[in-house]
Amino acid sequence: TTTYTVIKRLEERGILKKEDSVVTSLYSKEDVQISEINEVLEKKFDGSIPAFIAAFTKSKKLTEKERKEIIKLLGE
């Protein structure tokens, strides 16, 4: 019943759709990722993208390919 209650509440909020016992998300994975990133950006970095990138790159060593991809994205 707990799972049913959670699904029902998410359906009421417009996050899930239930048809014939099949539950479907109304949001794509990308939509959820963007929302989560924006939440972290606001809560932890006061909305500062440079601060976020600085913290991220300090904790993970980027490959040359990753650096080039990031520079290309920033150029766009």
C-alpha atoms as a PDB file:
ATOM      1  CA  THR A   1       0.000   0.000   0.000  1.00  0.00           C
ATOM      2  CA  THR A   2       2.916   2.369   0.595  1.00  0.00           C
ATOM      3  CA  THR A   3       4.094   2.051  -3.006  1.00  0.00           C
ATOM      4  CA  TYR A   4       0.550   2.568  -4.263  1.00  0.00           C
ATOM      5  CA  THR A   5       0.211   5.699  -2.121  1.00  0.00           C
ATOM      6  CA  VAL A   6       3.480   7.156  -3.453  1.00  0.00           C
ATOM      7  CA  ILE A   7       2.463   6.413  -7.050  1.00  0.00           C
ATOM      8  CA  LYS A   8      -0.974   7.941  -6.474  1.00  0.00           C
ATOM      9  CA  ARG A   9       0.536  11.115  -5.014  1.00  0.00           C
ATOM     10  CA  LEU A  10       3.031  11.434  -7.874  1.00  0.00           C
ATOM     11  CA  GLU A  11       0.190  10.928 -10.324  1.00  0.00           C
ATOM     12  CA  GLU A  12      -1.818  13.690  -8.609  1.00  0.00           C
ATOM     13  CA  ARG A  13       1.199  16.006  -8.906  1.00  0.00           C
ATOM     14  CA  GLY A  14       1.473  15.282 -12.640  1.00  0.00           C
ATOM     15  CA  ILE A  15       4.787  13.455 -12.410  1.00  0.00           C
ATOM     16  CA  LEU A  16       3.539   9.974 -13.281  1.00  0.00           C
ATOM     17  CA  LYS A  17       0.728   8.607 -15.426  1.00  0.00           C
ATOM     18  CA  LYS A  18      -1.020   5.303 -14.662  1.00  0.00           C
ATOM     19  CA  GLU A  19      -3.036   3.490 -17.320  1.00  0.00           C
ATOM     20  CA  ASP A  20      -4.165  -0.139 -16.986  1.00  0.00           C
ATOM     21  CA  SER A  21      -1.681  -0.770 -14.150  1.00  0.00           C
ATOM     22  CA  VAL A  22       1.204   0.587 -16.263  1.00  0.00           C
ATOM     23  CA  VAL A  23       3.023   3.491 -14.632  1.00  0.00           C
ATOM     24  CA  THR A  24       4.881   5.935 -16.884  1.00  0.00           C
ATOM     25  CA  SER A  25       6.980   8.980 -16.042  1.00  0.00           C
ATOM     26  CA  LEU A  26       5.808  12.221 -17.619  1.00  0.00           C
ATOM     27  CA  TYR A  27       9.347  13.616 -17.425  1.00  0.00           C
ATOM     28  CA  SER A  28      12.390  12.474 -19.368  1.00  0.00           C
ATOM     29  CA  LYS A  29      15.629  11.471 -17.692  1.00  0.00           C
ATOM     30  CA  GLU A  30      17.200  14.670 -19.074  1.00  0.00           C
ATOM     31  CA  ASP A  31      14.427  16.807 -17.525  1.00  0.00           C
ATOM     32  CA  VAL A  32      15.065  15.237 -14.121  1.00  0.00           C
ATOM     33  CA  GLN A  33      18.839  15.635 -14.425  1.00  0.00           C
ATOM     34  CA  ILE A  34      18.492  19.321 -15.337  1.00  0.00           C
ATOM     35  CA  SER A  35      16.174  19.901 -12.401  1.00  0.00           C
ATOM     36  CA  GLU A  36      18.549  18.153  -9.987  1.00  0.00           C
ATOM     37  CA  ILE A  37      21.583  20.057 -11.285  1.00  0.00           C
ATOM     38  CA  ASN A  38      19.753  23.372 -10.979  1.00  0.00           C
ATOM     39  CA  GLU A  39      18.772  22.511  -7.408  1.00  0.00           C
ATOM     40  CA  VAL A  40      22.380  21.645  -6.456  1.00  0.00           C
ATOM     41  CA  LEU A  41      23.650  24.754  -8.237  1.00  0.00           C
ATOM     42  CA  GLU A  42      21.290  27.009  -6.287  1.00  0.00           C
ATOM     43  CA  LYS A  43      21.594  25.301  -2.877  1.00  0.00           C
ATOM     44  CA  LYS A  44      25.330  24.610  -2.791  1.00  0.00           C
ATOM     45  CA  PHE A  45      26.888  27.212  -5.104  1.00  0.00           C
ATOM     46  CA  ASP A  46      24.496  30.175  -4.836  1.00  0.00           C
ATOM     47  CA  GLY A  47      23.693  29.761  -8.531  1.00  0.00           C
ATOM     48  CA  SER A  48      27.324  30.255  -9.580  1.00  0.00           C
ATOM     49  CA  ILE A  49      28.248  28.066 -12.538  1.00  0.00           C
ATOM     50  CA  PRO A  50      31.985  28.949 -12.287  1.00  0.00           C
ATOM     51  CA  ALA A  51      32.003  27.874  -8.607  1.00  0.00           C
ATOM     52  CA  PHE A  52      30.240  24.629  -9.548  1.00  0.00           C
ATOM     53  CA  ILE A  53      32.719  23.882 -12.350  1.00  0.00           C
ATOM     54  CA  ALA A  54      35.697  24.725 -10.105  1.00  0.00           C
ATOM     55  CA  ALA A  55      34.460  22.345  -7.396  1.00  0.00           C
ATOM     56  CA  PHE A  56      33.672  19.623  -9.923  1.00  0.00           C
ATOM     57  CA  THR A  57      37.048  19.768 -11.649  1.00  0.00           C
ATOM     58  CA  LYS A  58      38.904  19.715  -8.320  1.00  0.00           C
ATOM     59  CA  SER A  59      37.243  16.456  -7.345  1.00  0.00           C
ATOM     60  CA  LYS A  60      37.553  14.697 -10.726  1.00  0.00           C
ATOM     61  CA  LYS A  61      40.519  14.739 -13.057  1.00  0.00           C
ATOM     62  CA  LEU A  62      39.327  15.438 -16.585  1.00  0.00           C
ATOM     63  CA  THR A  63      40.728  13.734 -19.650  1.00  0.00           C
ATOM     64  CA  GLU A  64      41.884  15.850 -22.563  1.00  0.00           C
ATOM     65  CA  LYS A  65      38.822  14.699 -24.513  1.00  0.00           C
ATOM     66  CA  GLU A  66      36.509  15.814 -21.675  1.00  0.00           C
ATOM     67  CA  ARG A  67      38.242  19.197 -21.510  1.00  0.00           C
ATOM     68  CA  LYS A  68      37.774  19.724 -25.231  1.00  0.00           C
ATOM     69  CA  GLU A  69      34.109  18.738 -25.004  1.00  0.00           C
ATOM     70  CA  ILE A  70      33.522  21.189 -22.132  1.00  0.00           C
ATOM     71  CA  ILE A  71      35.312  24.015 -23.952  1.00  0.00           C
ATOM     72  CA  LYS A  72      33.208  23.306 -27.049  1.00  0.00           C
ATOM     73  CA  LEU A  73      29.986  23.387 -24.977  1.00  0.00           C
ATOM     74  CA  LEU A  74      30.993  26.633 -23.289  1.00  0.00           C
ATOM     75  CA  GLY A  75      31.678  28.156 -26.704  1.00  0.00           C
ATOM     76  CA  GLU A  76      28.131  27.385 -27.741  1.00  0.00           C
END
